Protein backbone atom coordinates (compact mmCIF):
# COMPACT_ATOMS: atom_id res chain seq x y z
CA MET A 1 10.25 -20.37 23.01
CA MET A 2 7.50 -17.71 23.07
CA ALA A 3 8.20 -14.21 24.96
CA ALA A 4 6.15 -11.52 25.96
CA VAL A 5 7.72 -8.28 24.50
CA LEU A 6 5.03 -5.62 25.05
CA LEU A 7 2.44 -4.97 27.47
CA THR A 8 -0.65 -2.48 26.24
CA VAL A 9 -3.46 -1.02 28.03
CA SER A 10 -6.42 1.21 26.66
CA ALA A 11 -9.84 2.42 27.79
CA GLY A 12 -13.13 2.69 26.21
CA THR A 13 -15.83 5.46 25.50
CA ALA A 14 -19.14 5.51 23.70
CA ALA A 15 -19.64 6.65 20.11
CA TYR A 16 -22.81 7.39 17.47
CA ALA A 17 -23.41 5.58 14.51
CA PHE A 18 -24.11 6.92 10.58
CA GLN A 19 -24.92 5.09 7.59
CA ALA A 20 -23.44 5.67 4.74
CA PRO A 21 -25.49 5.86 1.00
CA GLN A 22 -24.97 2.90 -1.46
CA THR A 23 -25.17 5.74 -4.52
CA THR A 24 -26.23 9.68 -4.57
CA THR A 25 -24.53 12.57 -6.69
CA THR A 26 -23.43 14.79 -4.92
CA PRO A 27 -22.11 14.82 -1.21
CA PRO A 28 -24.43 17.01 0.73
CA ALA A 29 -22.16 20.19 2.48
CA GLN A 30 -21.32 18.90 5.81
CA THR A 31 -19.58 20.12 9.07
CA PRO A 32 -15.92 19.92 8.91
CA PRO A 33 -14.61 15.68 10.09
CA GLN A 34 -14.18 15.54 13.26
CA ALA A 35 -10.95 15.18 15.03
CA GLY A 36 -10.75 11.21 15.47
CA VAL A 37 -7.96 9.55 16.85
CA ASP A 38 -5.57 11.29 14.09
CA PRO A 39 -5.04 14.57 14.58
CA ARG A 40 -3.25 15.93 11.10
CA PRO A 41 -5.00 17.74 9.01
CA PRO A 42 -6.68 15.75 6.06
CA ASN A 43 -5.26 15.97 3.24
CA ALA A 44 -8.09 17.09 1.28
CA LYS A 45 -9.58 19.73 2.70
CA ASP A 46 -12.15 21.05 0.39
CA GLN A 47 -13.77 17.50 0.80
CA THR A 48 -16.38 16.87 3.07
CA PRO A 49 -17.93 13.18 3.40
CA ALA A 50 -21.44 12.52 1.97
CA VAL A 51 -22.99 11.79 5.28
CA ALA A 52 -21.59 12.51 8.65
CA GLY A 53 -19.27 9.79 10.41
CA GLN A 54 -18.15 8.41 7.24
CA THR A 55 -14.86 9.04 8.04
CA ARG A 56 -12.78 10.31 11.80
CA ALA A 57 -15.13 8.24 13.79
CA PRO A 58 -14.82 9.42 17.14
CA GLU A 59 -12.20 7.82 19.55
CA ALA A 60 -13.54 4.61 21.01
CA LYS A 61 -11.23 2.75 23.36
CA LYS A 62 -12.99 -0.53 25.23
CA ASN A 63 -10.62 -0.85 28.59
CA VAL A 64 -8.71 -4.10 27.11
CA ALA A 65 -5.44 -4.92 28.54
CA PHE A 66 -2.95 -7.49 26.76
CA ASP A 67 0.29 -8.88 26.12
CA VAL A 68 2.30 -9.08 23.01
CA VAL A 69 3.98 -12.34 22.71
CA THR A 70 6.57 -13.11 19.09
CA VAL A 71 5.34 -16.62 18.20
CA ALA A 72 8.08 -16.48 15.11
CA GLU A 73 10.64 -13.93 14.04
CA GLY A 74 13.16 -14.34 11.41
CA LEU A 75 10.79 -14.14 8.21
CA GLU A 76 11.23 -12.06 5.44
CA ASN A 77 8.77 -9.73 4.39
CA PRO A 78 6.02 -11.90 6.03
CA TRP A 79 2.66 -11.18 4.13
CA GLY A 80 0.28 -14.57 4.39
CA LEU A 81 -0.96 -16.19 6.99
CA THR A 82 -2.99 -19.55 7.81
CA PHE A 83 -3.21 -22.44 10.28
CA LEU A 84 -3.15 -25.70 10.08
CA PRO A 85 -4.95 -28.90 11.76
CA GLY A 86 -2.49 -29.64 15.06
CA GLY A 87 -1.03 -26.34 16.21
CA LYS A 88 1.59 -25.15 12.98
CA MET A 89 1.10 -22.47 10.54
CA LEU A 90 1.64 -21.68 6.98
CA VAL A 91 3.43 -18.20 6.29
CA THR A 92 4.23 -16.78 3.14
CA GLU A 93 7.35 -14.78 2.40
CA ARG A 94 6.97 -11.94 -0.35
CA PRO A 95 10.49 -13.41 -1.85
CA GLY A 96 8.89 -16.34 -2.81
CA ARG A 97 9.17 -18.88 0.00
CA LEU A 98 6.16 -20.73 1.84
CA ARG A 99 7.16 -22.01 5.44
CA ILE A 100 5.78 -24.31 7.63
CA VAL A 101 5.67 -22.84 11.43
CA ASN A 102 5.76 -25.29 13.50
CA ALA A 103 4.18 -25.14 17.59
CA ASP A 104 7.40 -23.66 19.34
CA GLY A 105 7.98 -20.83 16.21
CA THR A 106 10.89 -22.65 14.61
CA LEU A 107 10.37 -23.09 10.35
CA SER A 108 10.74 -25.53 7.94
CA PRO A 109 12.87 -25.35 4.99
CA ALA A 110 10.65 -23.30 2.37
CA VAL A 111 8.57 -25.28 0.39
CA THR A 112 9.22 -26.75 -2.97
CA GLY A 113 7.05 -26.97 -5.78
CA LEU A 114 5.38 -23.18 -5.89
CA PRO A 115 5.91 -21.87 -9.58
CA PRO A 116 8.39 -18.85 -9.35
CA VAL A 117 7.50 -15.54 -8.69
CA ASP A 118 7.69 -12.41 -9.75
CA ALA A 119 9.13 -10.80 -5.83
CA ARG A 120 9.70 -7.03 -7.52
CA ASN A 121 8.45 -4.39 -5.51
CA GLN A 122 5.34 -5.05 -3.92
CA GLY A 123 5.13 -7.95 -6.13
CA GLY A 124 5.96 -11.75 -5.19
CA LEU A 125 4.30 -14.66 -2.86
CA LEU A 126 1.48 -13.04 -1.29
CA ASP A 127 -1.87 -14.99 0.25
CA VAL A 128 -2.48 -17.96 1.45
CA LEU A 129 -5.30 -20.24 2.52
CA LEU A 130 -6.17 -24.03 3.29
CA ASP A 131 -9.24 -26.00 1.24
CA ARG A 132 -12.44 -26.13 2.63
CA GLN A 133 -11.76 -30.17 2.94
CA PHE A 134 -8.03 -29.95 4.02
CA ALA A 135 -8.11 -32.06 6.50
CA SER A 136 -8.92 -34.96 3.78
CA ASN A 137 -6.89 -33.50 0.66
CA GLN A 138 -4.63 -31.11 2.14
CA TRP A 139 -5.22 -28.60 -0.86
CA ILE A 140 -3.31 -25.26 -0.56
CA TYR A 141 -4.15 -22.11 -1.96
CA TRP A 142 -1.97 -19.27 -3.03
CA SER A 143 -1.99 -16.15 -5.04
CA TYR A 144 1.35 -14.17 -6.36
CA ALA A 145 2.39 -11.95 -8.95
CA GLU A 146 3.31 -14.07 -11.88
CA LYS A 147 5.82 -12.91 -14.57
CA ARG A 148 4.90 -14.02 -18.37
CA ASP A 149 6.91 -14.69 -21.33
CA ASP A 150 6.96 -11.20 -22.87
CA GLY A 151 8.12 -9.22 -19.67
CA THR A 152 5.15 -8.57 -18.03
CA ASN A 153 2.94 -9.88 -14.73
CA ASN A 154 -0.14 -10.19 -13.17
CA THR A 155 -1.73 -12.00 -10.22
CA ALA A 156 -2.47 -15.40 -10.16
CA VAL A 157 -3.75 -18.03 -7.74
CA ALA A 158 -2.27 -21.27 -7.69
CA ARG A 159 -2.96 -24.95 -5.48
CA GLY A 160 -1.03 -27.99 -5.34
CA LYS A 161 -1.37 -30.99 -2.00
CA LEU A 162 0.56 -30.22 0.83
CA VAL A 163 3.14 -32.45 2.07
CA ASP A 164 4.78 -31.85 5.70
CA GLY A 165 7.97 -33.27 6.18
CA ALA A 166 11.59 -32.63 7.06
CA GLU A 167 11.32 -31.24 3.19
CA PRO A 168 8.12 -29.70 2.86
CA ARG A 169 7.10 -29.96 -0.86
CA VAL A 170 3.81 -29.08 -2.51
CA ASP A 171 2.38 -31.73 -5.63
CA ASN A 172 0.31 -31.79 -7.97
CA VAL A 173 0.18 -27.93 -8.79
CA GLU A 174 -2.42 -26.07 -11.16
CA VAL A 175 -2.69 -22.60 -11.89
CA ILE A 176 -6.17 -21.64 -11.23
CA TYR A 177 -7.06 -17.72 -11.99
CA HIS A 178 -4.67 -15.52 -14.13
CA GLN A 179 -5.63 -11.76 -13.86
CA ALA A 180 -5.40 -10.18 -17.62
CA PRO A 181 -4.28 -8.33 -19.42
CA SER A 182 -1.22 -8.30 -17.99
CA LEU A 183 0.95 -5.46 -17.93
CA ASN A 184 4.72 -4.09 -17.08
CA SER A 185 3.95 -2.89 -13.55
CA ALA A 186 5.65 -3.99 -10.16
CA LEU A 187 2.37 -2.12 -7.75
CA HIS A 188 -0.89 -3.23 -7.14
CA TYR A 189 -1.69 -7.05 -6.93
CA GLY A 190 -4.18 -6.93 -4.42
CA GLY A 191 -3.99 -10.63 -4.16
CA ARG A 192 -6.25 -11.41 -0.65
CA LEU A 193 -8.05 -15.02 -0.68
CA VAL A 194 -11.40 -15.61 0.83
CA TRP A 195 -13.65 -18.62 1.19
CA ASN A 196 -17.22 -17.75 0.65
CA ARG A 197 -19.74 -19.63 2.51
CA ASP A 198 -21.18 -21.36 -0.60
CA GLY A 199 -17.23 -22.67 -0.82
CA THR A 200 -16.85 -20.19 -3.80
CA LEU A 201 -13.38 -18.46 -3.87
CA PHE A 202 -12.82 -14.50 -3.88
CA VAL A 203 -9.83 -13.34 -5.28
CA THR A 204 -8.97 -10.06 -4.52
CA GLN A 205 -7.04 -7.28 -6.76
CA GLY A 206 -5.67 -3.62 -7.79
CA GLU A 207 -5.75 -2.12 -10.79
CA ARG A 208 -1.36 -2.35 -11.39
CA SER A 209 -0.92 1.13 -10.55
CA ILE A 210 0.22 2.58 -14.07
CA THR A 211 -1.96 4.84 -15.78
CA PRO A 212 -3.04 2.22 -18.77
CA GLY A 213 -4.49 -0.06 -15.93
CA ARG A 214 -6.36 2.50 -13.46
CA MET A 215 -8.20 3.36 -16.18
CA GLN A 216 -9.38 -0.66 -16.67
CA ALA A 217 -10.61 -0.08 -13.72
CA GLN A 218 -14.03 0.68 -15.02
CA GLN A 219 -13.85 -1.68 -18.13
CA MET A 220 -15.90 -4.71 -18.08
CA ASP A 221 -13.36 -6.58 -20.90
CA SER A 222 -10.44 -6.29 -18.02
CA LEU A 223 -9.96 -8.18 -14.56
CA LEU A 224 -7.65 -4.80 -13.52
CA GLY A 225 -9.61 -3.20 -10.59
CA LYS A 226 -11.85 -6.04 -9.95
CA ILE A 227 -12.95 -8.64 -6.96
CA VAL A 228 -13.37 -11.99 -8.63
CA ARG A 229 -15.60 -15.01 -7.81
CA ILE A 230 -14.53 -18.40 -8.98
CA ASN A 231 -14.54 -22.08 -7.93
CA ALA A 232 -12.38 -23.85 -6.28
CA ASP A 233 -10.96 -25.65 -9.26
CA GLY A 234 -10.92 -22.06 -11.17
CA THR A 235 -14.58 -22.49 -13.44
CA ILE A 236 -16.82 -19.64 -13.15
CA PRO A 237 -19.78 -20.03 -11.11
CA LYS A 238 -22.68 -19.99 -12.74
CA ASP A 239 -24.54 -17.17 -10.81
CA ASN A 240 -22.12 -14.39 -11.02
CA PRO A 241 -23.08 -10.94 -11.67
CA PHE A 242 -22.09 -10.78 -15.43
CA VAL A 243 -22.08 -14.31 -16.62
CA GLY A 244 -23.38 -14.30 -19.81
CA LYS A 245 -22.82 -10.83 -20.94
CA GLU A 246 -20.82 -9.94 -24.16
CA GLY A 247 -17.82 -8.18 -23.71
CA VAL A 248 -17.60 -8.49 -19.68
CA ARG A 249 -15.31 -10.97 -17.92
CA PRO A 250 -16.97 -13.81 -16.24
CA GLU A 251 -15.05 -13.99 -13.66
CA ILE A 252 -16.31 -10.20 -12.17
CA TRP A 253 -17.69 -9.71 -8.74
CA SER A 254 -17.65 -6.29 -8.25
CA LEU A 255 -15.30 -3.51 -9.65
CA GLY A 256 -13.98 -0.31 -9.60
CA HIS A 257 -11.19 -1.14 -6.74
CA ARG A 258 -7.71 0.85 -6.66
CA ASN A 259 -5.94 -2.17 -4.44
CA VAL A 260 -7.59 -4.58 -2.36
CA GLN A 261 -5.17 -5.45 0.40
CA ALA A 262 -7.54 -7.61 2.79
CA ALA A 263 -11.12 -8.83 2.59
CA THR A 264 -12.69 -10.75 5.15
CA LEU A 265 -16.32 -12.25 5.49
CA HIS A 266 -18.95 -10.70 7.91
CA PRO A 267 -19.73 -13.05 10.85
CA THR A 268 -23.36 -12.34 10.84
CA THR A 269 -24.28 -11.52 7.17
CA GLY A 270 -21.67 -13.63 5.30
CA GLU A 271 -20.97 -10.40 2.89
CA LEU A 272 -17.29 -9.38 2.01
CA TRP A 273 -16.00 -6.74 3.62
CA GLU A 274 -12.43 -5.49 2.31
CA VAL A 275 -9.88 -2.67 2.70
CA GLU A 276 -7.94 -0.85 -0.45
CA HIS A 277 -5.39 1.85 -0.64
CA GLY A 278 -6.62 5.09 -1.94
CA THR A 279 -4.30 7.57 -3.11
CA ARG A 280 -3.29 10.62 -0.61
CA GLY A 281 -6.50 10.87 2.10
CA GLY A 282 -8.28 8.31 -0.31
CA ASP A 283 -7.72 4.76 2.25
CA GLU A 284 -11.19 2.79 2.44
CA ILE A 285 -13.96 -0.04 3.73
CA ASN A 286 -16.41 -1.19 1.01
CA ILE A 287 -18.13 -4.06 1.49
CA SER A 288 -18.14 -6.24 -1.97
CA ARG A 289 -21.52 -6.62 -3.29
CA LYS A 290 -23.01 -8.48 -6.69
CA GLY A 291 -22.24 -6.76 -9.35
CA LYS A 292 -21.43 -3.04 -8.03
CA ASP A 293 -18.90 -0.32 -8.95
CA TYR A 294 -16.86 1.38 -6.24
CA GLY A 295 -15.61 4.61 -8.96
CA TRP A 296 -12.36 3.85 -8.53
CA PRO A 297 -11.23 6.61 -10.22
CA THR A 298 -14.26 8.31 -11.44
CA ILE A 299 -15.13 8.90 -8.04
CA ALA A 300 -12.47 9.32 -5.29
CA TYR A 301 -11.82 10.74 -1.57
CA GLY A 302 -7.94 12.27 -1.13
CA ILE A 303 -5.17 13.83 -3.56
CA GLU A 304 -3.07 12.17 -6.05
CA TYR A 305 0.17 11.96 -4.08
CA ALA A 306 1.71 14.15 -6.22
CA GLY A 307 -0.75 16.19 -5.36
CA GLY A 308 -3.66 17.54 -7.46
CA PRO A 309 -7.71 16.18 -7.92
CA ILE A 310 -7.79 11.95 -8.76
CA THR A 311 -8.68 11.46 -12.28
CA GLY A 312 -12.29 12.17 -11.92
CA GLY A 313 -11.96 14.89 -9.25
CA ILE A 314 -14.87 14.33 -7.85
CA GLN A 315 -16.53 11.95 -4.68
CA ALA A 316 -19.77 10.63 -5.49
CA LYS A 317 -21.67 10.07 -9.02
CA GLU A 318 -25.23 8.64 -9.37
CA GLY A 319 -24.33 4.41 -9.89
CA MET A 320 -20.82 4.43 -7.86
CA GLU A 321 -20.77 2.88 -4.38
CA GLN A 322 -19.87 5.25 -1.74
CA PRO A 323 -17.07 3.77 1.14
CA VAL A 324 -18.52 2.36 4.57
CA TYR A 325 -15.54 4.61 5.70
CA TYR A 326 -12.37 5.83 4.84
CA TRP A 327 -9.10 7.75 6.12
CA ASP A 328 -7.63 11.29 5.27
CA PRO A 329 -4.54 11.12 6.24
CA VAL A 330 -4.35 7.45 5.79
CA ILE A 331 -3.30 4.37 7.37
CA ALA A 332 -2.14 1.97 4.19
CA PRO A 333 -4.28 -0.99 5.20
CA SER A 334 -3.73 -4.57 4.92
CA GLY A 335 -5.14 -7.65 6.48
CA MET A 336 -8.50 -7.34 8.32
CA VAL A 337 -10.69 -9.78 10.76
CA PHE A 338 -14.09 -9.42 12.00
CA TYR A 339 -13.45 -10.68 16.33
CA THR A 340 -15.25 -13.32 17.14
CA GLY A 341 -13.43 -15.10 19.76
CA ASN A 342 -14.18 -15.81 23.62
CA LEU A 343 -10.59 -14.15 24.96
CA PHE A 344 -11.66 -10.71 24.96
CA PRO A 345 -15.11 -10.35 25.08
CA ALA A 346 -15.25 -6.58 25.08
CA TRP A 347 -13.49 -7.00 21.37
CA LYS A 348 -16.69 -8.92 20.20
CA GLY A 349 -18.06 -7.91 16.89
CA SER A 350 -15.03 -5.35 16.23
CA LEU A 351 -13.33 -5.09 12.98
CA PHE A 352 -9.29 -4.96 12.98
CA ILE A 353 -7.02 -4.04 10.75
CA GLY A 354 -2.88 -3.70 10.20
CA GLY A 355 -1.61 -0.69 9.24
CA LEU A 356 1.49 -0.12 6.80
CA GLY A 357 1.79 3.15 7.34
CA SER A 358 0.36 4.11 10.84
CA LYS A 359 2.59 0.83 11.71
CA ASN A 360 -0.28 0.36 14.09
CA LEU A 361 -3.24 -1.76 14.72
CA VAL A 362 -6.82 -0.75 13.98
CA ARG A 363 -9.76 -1.25 15.81
CA LEU A 364 -13.14 -0.45 14.24
CA ASP A 365 -16.61 -0.51 16.41
CA VAL A 366 -19.46 -1.77 13.57
CA THR A 367 -22.96 -1.54 14.51
CA GLY A 368 -24.49 -2.85 10.94
CA ASP A 369 -22.61 -1.01 7.78
CA LYS A 370 -21.87 1.80 9.99
CA VAL A 371 -18.51 1.90 11.94
CA THR A 372 -19.21 3.92 14.88
CA GLY A 373 -15.49 4.33 17.16
CA GLU A 374 -11.87 4.23 16.16
CA GLU A 375 -9.03 3.11 18.15
CA ARG A 376 -4.95 2.27 17.70
CA LEU A 377 -3.25 -0.68 19.28
CA LEU A 378 0.40 -1.44 19.49
CA LYS A 379 1.23 2.38 18.52
CA ASP A 380 4.75 1.96 20.83
CA LEU A 381 5.15 -1.91 19.05
CA GLN A 382 8.88 -2.55 19.98
CA PRO A 383 11.80 -3.12 19.76
CA ASP A 384 10.39 0.01 16.86
CA ALA A 385 7.46 0.67 15.10
CA GLU A 386 6.40 -2.53 12.81
CA ARG A 387 4.25 -2.28 9.55
CA ILE A 388 1.30 -4.46 9.91
CA ARG A 389 0.65 -6.67 6.77
CA ASP A 390 -1.83 -9.14 8.01
CA VAL A 391 -4.36 -9.76 11.15
CA LEU A 392 -6.33 -12.94 11.56
CA GLN A 393 -7.98 -14.76 14.59
CA GLY A 394 -6.21 -18.14 15.26
CA PRO A 395 -8.39 -21.15 16.35
CA GLU A 396 -7.92 -20.18 20.16
CA GLY A 397 -9.26 -16.98 19.68
CA ALA A 398 -6.27 -14.87 19.90
CA LEU A 399 -5.24 -12.12 17.30
CA TYR A 400 -2.05 -12.89 15.13
CA LEU A 401 -0.27 -10.24 13.37
CA LEU A 402 2.42 -10.12 10.38
CA THR A 403 5.02 -7.56 10.48
CA ASP A 404 6.14 -6.53 7.33
CA ASN A 405 9.78 -5.71 7.13
CA PRO A 406 13.05 -7.84 6.28
CA LYS A 407 12.91 -9.86 9.76
CA GLY A 408 9.78 -9.71 9.89
CA ARG A 409 7.64 -11.79 13.11
CA ILE A 410 4.49 -13.23 13.78
CA LEU A 411 2.49 -11.76 17.07
CA LYS A 412 0.30 -12.85 19.00
CA ILE A 413 -2.09 -10.96 21.16
CA VAL A 414 -3.47 -12.75 24.42
CA PRO A 415 -5.23 -11.39 27.92
CA LYS A 416 -2.25 -9.96 30.06
CA LYS A 417 -1.31 -12.09 32.58
């Protein structure tokens, strides 16, 4: 039984635009960042954005009133969500369970047949996605932390045929992608899955956090710190940017990423927008373009969590992409979607991103490749502030959220009654 648990009202103002350059050698001197929606000072007080408005966009409220409804609860650290035909959903729980959520919010027993996951720290069962022809073939895809025989682990992607029923299961399971090399780390798996318009599959990844992994984000014979593009069966698309180049992994689509926690296609351009965790003051939005280098760890905004400059100590370098937008202080982003529905006309075209650290829903005004305004929603989400792990648009145009805690919930944002 669904029950409304929160009412929130927001109001709007206008905002200005900026253009983030694709490459630059040194960031030009700028006026100090605007106050934006976060009154706290930046961690990197001596850094300036490459262009005005690249961070701390002005507050832009939209006068949208809505209810937040609990659809399902009692989930242990839910991580990924997708919608099944007929009103059901699939949701992952990081400890390793995949559940079918019925239209009334009840949860199925754990789906059997999945390979084991390494459910330590940030690892476990991650994203889930339906095959583009699910109605006829019932195939689903999921990402997870895969433990190897030598005790190391890596991000992996598997697929199988979903069989619904009293004891749901997946049949014909095959692992179609293994990140390489494997490392002894329980951090920075990435793991979001996004279908490209051409039927290929994007897999976001991290560089596993530890120093040996971090430095491989720039190495072309490694899949760490990369977004990869594969075919639905795990084979390599012939038009990937580095196919046929000696010493380069052909799966690579873009490189120089830290820990990509969400990605989505732009509804007009079809380009892959992604958001990744930086260090203290370096969370950023990028447009992942074919063959481009996003700089980690050579360039980065923010500082090390332990203090001091990032490995490269610079924020820009020729041949490396600037982020579209970054946060300092950070929000710890996870989950993102461009809103295209009709339930909230004022939000059409907005980019929504979940906040694990900020514990709210971030709404961004986007014009072209520019962020022009920012709004923070659900600041007082009851009963307690909750980490938002995933954000999706439902078939009916509502926004769905996953809250990441030991008794996690699926929430739905609908127009205020």
